[in-house]
Amino acid sequence: MSQTTAIDVDRIVQRYVAVWSEPDPAARERAVAELWAPDGVEFVENTQFRGHDGLVDRVAEAYGLFVATGDYDITDDNHVSVHDDVVMFTIQLTYAKGPRTGEVAWAARVFLVLDNDGRILQDYHLTVQPLPEA
């Protein structure tokens, strides 16, 4: 079990949300290495992203598709639940421009299982609001 505190959890969530919006590839890679354990894994629907290399590629692809375009911002819903080494919160894509600016376009519940150092061992995304059809 990890020894996370409320302050640690808030920081983990802030850093987690921030990594998806990081424009600098080197900074993004450092952030992934700081957030996830070397053997960390993310599960998204039917896909797994394993280890730092897989996670760096995953985060870079998501950044390119959603944030770099200027279409979306990545936010969380400011509601974090913690039980031992599990952290749960909602991550969101909100519209960054146009008449729906600030509205949620997509949302997923995120379940993080942390190691004893507070790094992510397992990261599960469960979509609760899919992106609208284009």
C-alpha atoms as a PDB file:
ATOM      1  CA  MET A   1       0.000   0.000   0.000  1.00  0.00           C
ATOM      2  CA  SER A   2       1.231   3.464  -0.750  1.00  0.00           C
ATOM      3  CA  GLN A   3       1.603   6.145   1.858  1.00  0.00           C
ATOM      4  CA  THR A   4      -0.189   8.813  -0.173  1.00  0.00           C
ATOM      5  CA  THR A   5      -1.688  11.752   1.638  1.00  0.00           C
ATOM      6  CA  ALA A   6      -4.427  14.124   0.497  1.00  0.00           C
ATOM      7  CA  ILE A   7      -1.757  16.608  -0.603  1.00  0.00           C
ATOM      8  CA  ASP A   8       0.156  13.935  -2.539  1.00  0.00           C
ATOM      9  CA  VAL A   9      -3.041  12.810  -4.255  1.00  0.00           C
ATOM     10  CA  ASP A  10      -3.957  16.322  -5.343  1.00  0.00           C
ATOM     11  CA  ARG A  11      -0.450  16.754  -6.742  1.00  0.00           C
ATOM     12  CA  ILE A  12      -0.607  13.417  -8.572  1.00  0.00           C
ATOM     13  CA  VAL A  13      -3.940  14.356 -10.165  1.00  0.00           C
ATOM     14  CA  GLN A  14      -2.660  17.814 -11.151  1.00  0.00           C
ATOM     15  CA  ARG A  15       0.487  16.338 -12.708  1.00  0.00           C
ATOM     16  CA  TYR A  16      -1.541  13.613 -14.430  1.00  0.00           C
ATOM     17  CA  VAL A  17      -3.914  16.117 -16.024  1.00  0.00           C
ATOM     18  CA  ALA A  18      -1.007  18.392 -16.971  1.00  0.00           C
ATOM     19  CA  VAL A  19       1.031  15.700 -18.755  1.00  0.00           C
ATOM     20  CA  TRP A  20      -1.677  15.335 -21.422  1.00  0.00           C
ATOM     21  CA  SER A  21      -1.346  19.064 -22.265  1.00  0.00           C
ATOM     22  CA  GLU A  22       2.447  19.275 -22.251  1.00  0.00           C
ATOM     23  CA  PRO A  23       3.623  20.630 -25.642  1.00  0.00           C
ATOM     24  CA  ASP A  24       7.357  19.985 -25.148  1.00  0.00           C
ATOM     25  CA  PRO A  25       8.286  16.362 -26.009  1.00  0.00           C
ATOM     26  CA  ALA A  26      11.264  16.264 -23.604  1.00  0.00           C
ATOM     27  CA  ALA A  27       9.206  17.697 -20.728  1.00  0.00           C
ATOM     28  CA  ARG A  28       6.384  15.267 -21.547  1.00  0.00           C
ATOM     29  CA  GLU A  29       8.817  12.340 -21.435  1.00  0.00           C
ATOM     30  CA  ARG A  30      10.184  13.485 -18.054  1.00  0.00           C
ATOM     31  CA  ALA A  31       6.646  13.894 -16.715  1.00  0.00           C
ATOM     32  CA  VAL A  32       5.712  10.365 -17.812  1.00  0.00           C
ATOM     33  CA  ALA A  33       8.819   8.970 -16.083  1.00  0.00           C
ATOM     34  CA  GLU A  34       7.940  10.851 -12.894  1.00  0.00           C
ATOM     35  CA  LEU A  35       4.263   9.836 -12.899  1.00  0.00           C
ATOM     36  CA  TRP A  36       4.363   6.183 -13.960  1.00  0.00           C
ATOM     37  CA  ALA A  37       6.480   3.352 -12.606  1.00  0.00           C
ATOM     38  CA  PRO A  38       8.872   1.923 -15.247  1.00  0.00           C
ATOM     39  CA  ASP A  39       6.538  -1.055 -15.730  1.00  0.00           C
ATOM     40  CA  GLY A  40       3.367   1.056 -15.482  1.00  0.00           C
ATOM     41  CA  VAL A  41       0.481   0.308 -17.806  1.00  0.00           C
ATOM     42  CA  GLU A  42      -2.554   2.209 -19.034  1.00  0.00           C
ATOM     43  CA  PHE A  43      -5.715   0.385 -20.086  1.00  0.00           C
ATOM     44  CA  VAL A  44      -8.024   2.236 -22.473  1.00  0.00           C
ATOM     45  CA  GLU A  45     -10.957   0.256 -23.826  1.00  0.00           C
ATOM     46  CA  ASN A  46      -9.298  -2.665 -25.671  1.00  0.00           C
ATOM     47  CA  THR A  47      -5.780  -1.216 -25.740  1.00  0.00           C
ATOM     48  CA  GLN A  48      -2.853  -1.353 -23.331  1.00  0.00           C
ATOM     49  CA  PHE A  49       0.123   1.003 -23.227  1.00  0.00           C
ATOM     50  CA  ARG A  50       3.056  -0.489 -21.302  1.00  0.00           C
ATOM     51  CA  GLY A  51       6.244   0.972 -19.907  1.00  0.00           C
ATOM     52  CA  HIS A  52       7.573   4.471 -20.254  1.00  0.00           C
ATOM     53  CA  ASP A  53       8.141   4.205 -24.026  1.00  0.00           C
ATOM     54  CA  GLY A  54       4.570   3.050 -24.676  1.00  0.00           C
ATOM     55  CA  LEU A  55       3.147   5.683 -22.345  1.00  0.00           C
ATOM     56  CA  VAL A  56       5.220   8.504 -23.858  1.00  0.00           C
ATOM     57  CA  ASP A  57       3.916   7.527 -27.301  1.00  0.00           C
ATOM     58  CA  ARG A  58       0.337   7.311 -25.973  1.00  0.00           C
ATOM     59  CA  VAL A  59       0.446  10.728 -24.300  1.00  0.00           C
ATOM     60  CA  ALA A  60       2.106  12.327 -27.355  1.00  0.00           C
ATOM     61  CA  GLU A  61      -0.557  10.898 -29.667  1.00  0.00           C
ATOM     62  CA  ALA A  62      -3.402  12.130 -27.451  1.00  0.00           C
ATOM     63  CA  TYR A  63      -1.771  15.553 -27.196  1.00  0.00           C
ATOM     64  CA  GLY A  64      -1.474  15.756 -30.980  1.00  0.00           C
ATOM     65  CA  LEU A  65      -5.060  14.666 -31.598  1.00  0.00           C
ATOM     66  CA  PHE A  66      -6.820  16.803 -29.021  1.00  0.00           C
ATOM     67  CA  VAL A  67      -4.761  19.587 -27.446  1.00  0.00           C
ATOM     68  CA  ALA A  68      -2.261  20.618 -30.133  1.00  0.00           C
ATOM     69  CA  THR A  69      -5.174  21.232 -32.510  1.00  0.00           C
ATOM     70  CA  GLY A  70      -6.522  23.869 -30.137  1.00  0.00           C
ATOM     71  CA  ASP A  71      -9.894  22.124 -30.110  1.00  0.00           C
ATOM     72  CA  TYR A  72      -9.824  20.889 -26.503  1.00  0.00           C
ATOM     73  CA  ASP A  73      -8.438  21.522 -23.064  1.00  0.00           C
ATOM     74  CA  ILE A  74      -7.845  18.690 -20.629  1.00  0.00           C
ATOM     75  CA  THR A  75      -9.340  19.178 -17.184  1.00  0.00           C
ATOM     76  CA  ASP A  76     -10.578  17.162 -14.249  1.00  0.00           C
ATOM     77  CA  ASP A  77     -13.829  17.476 -12.342  1.00  0.00           C
ATOM     78  CA  ASN A  78     -12.175  18.405  -9.002  1.00  0.00           C
ATOM     79  CA  HIS A  79     -13.621  15.316  -7.289  1.00  0.00           C
ATOM     80  CA  VAL A  80     -10.952  12.871  -6.183  1.00  0.00           C
ATOM     81  CA  SER A  81     -11.568   9.676  -4.234  1.00  0.00           C
ATOM     82  CA  VAL A  82      -8.811   7.729  -2.525  1.00  0.00           C
ATOM     83  CA  HIS A  83      -8.762   4.280  -0.974  1.00  0.00           C
ATOM     84  CA  ASP A  84      -5.366   2.995   0.107  1.00  0.00           C
ATOM     85  CA  ASP A  85      -3.291   2.934  -3.091  1.00  0.00           C
ATOM     86  CA  VAL A  86      -6.186   3.613  -5.494  1.00  0.00           C
ATOM     87  CA  VAL A  87      -6.990   7.116  -6.752  1.00  0.00           C
ATOM     88  CA  MET A  88     -10.160   7.808  -8.756  1.00  0.00           C
ATOM     89  CA  PHE A  89     -11.196  10.974 -10.578  1.00  0.00           C
ATOM     90  CA  THR A  90     -12.744  12.114 -13.851  1.00  0.00           C
ATOM     91  CA  ILE A  91     -10.628  13.484 -16.680  1.00  0.00           C
ATOM     92  CA  GLN A  92     -12.344  15.557 -19.364  1.00  0.00           C
ATOM     93  CA  LEU A  93     -11.860  17.080 -22.768  1.00  0.00           C
ATOM     94  CA  THR A  94     -13.560  20.459 -22.726  1.00  0.00           C
ATOM     95  CA  TYR A  95     -14.141  22.545 -25.815  1.00  0.00           C
ATOM     96  CA  ALA A  96     -11.406  25.189 -26.086  1.00  0.00           C
ATOM     97  CA  LYS A  97     -13.083  27.366 -28.704  1.00  0.00           C
ATOM     98  CA  GLY A  98     -16.390  28.130 -30.333  1.00  0.00           C
ATOM     99  CA  PRO A  99     -19.860  28.501 -28.846  1.00  0.00           C
ATOM    100  CA  ARG A 100     -19.394  25.476 -26.554  1.00  0.00           C
ATOM    101  CA  THR A 101     -16.131  26.696 -24.969  1.00  0.00           C
ATOM    102  CA  GLY A 102     -15.725  25.153 -21.528  1.00  0.00           C
ATOM    103  CA  GLU A 103     -18.382  22.474 -22.034  1.00  0.00           C
ATOM    104  CA  VAL A 104     -17.380  18.843 -21.564  1.00  0.00           C
ATOM    105  CA  ALA A 105     -16.978  17.027 -24.887  1.00  0.00           C
ATOM    106  CA  TRP A 106     -15.650  13.734 -23.468  1.00  0.00           C
ATOM    107  CA  ALA A 107     -15.106  12.310 -19.997  1.00  0.00           C
ATOM    108  CA  ALA A 108     -13.628   9.183 -18.458  1.00  0.00           C
ATOM    109  CA  ARG A 109     -13.304   7.867 -14.941  1.00  0.00           C
ATOM    110  CA  VAL A 110      -9.646   7.273 -14.189  1.00  0.00           C
ATOM    111  CA  PHE A 111      -8.564   4.655 -11.671  1.00  0.00           C
ATOM    112  CA  LEU A 112      -4.895   4.807 -10.726  1.00  0.00           C
ATOM    113  CA  VAL A 113      -3.208   2.067  -8.711  1.00  0.00           C
ATOM    114  CA  LEU A 114      -0.080   3.531  -7.130  1.00  0.00           C
ATOM    115  CA  ASP A 115       3.139   1.910  -5.961  1.00  0.00           C
ATOM    116  CA  ASN A 116       4.809   2.641  -2.613  1.00  0.00           C
ATOM    117  CA  ASP A 117       6.546   5.671  -4.133  1.00  0.00           C
ATOM    118  CA  GLY A 118       3.261   7.185  -5.355  1.00  0.00           C
ATOM    119  CA  ARG A 119       3.932   6.343  -9.013  1.00  0.00           C
ATOM    120  CA  ILE A 120       1.290   4.803 -11.253  1.00  0.00           C
ATOM    121  CA  LEU A 121       1.402   1.032 -11.672  1.00  0.00           C
ATOM    122  CA  GLN A 122      -1.963   0.682 -13.382  1.00  0.00           C
ATOM    123  CA  ASP A 123      -4.077   3.356 -15.056  1.00  0.00           C
ATOM    124  CA  TYR A 124      -7.610   2.537 -16.181  1.00  0.00           C
ATOM    125  CA  HIS A 125      -9.741   4.881 -18.334  1.00  0.00           C
ATOM    126  CA  LEU A 126     -13.456   4.084 -18.399  1.00  0.00           C
ATOM    127  CA  THR A 127     -15.314   6.379 -20.775  1.00  0.00           C
ATOM    128  CA  VAL A 128     -18.480   7.832 -19.265  1.00  0.00           C
ATOM    129  CA  GLN A 129     -19.157  10.412 -21.986  1.00  0.00           C
ATOM    130  CA  PRO A 130     -17.936   9.565 -25.489  1.00  0.00           C
ATOM    131  CA  LEU A 131     -16.938  12.255 -27.974  1.00  0.00           C
ATOM    132  CA  PRO A 132     -19.854  13.284 -30.175  1.00  0.00           C
ATOM    133  CA  GLU A 133     -19.831  11.986 -33.732  1.00  0.00           C
ATOM    134  CA  ALA A 134     -18.150  14.416 -36.093  1.00  0.00           C
END
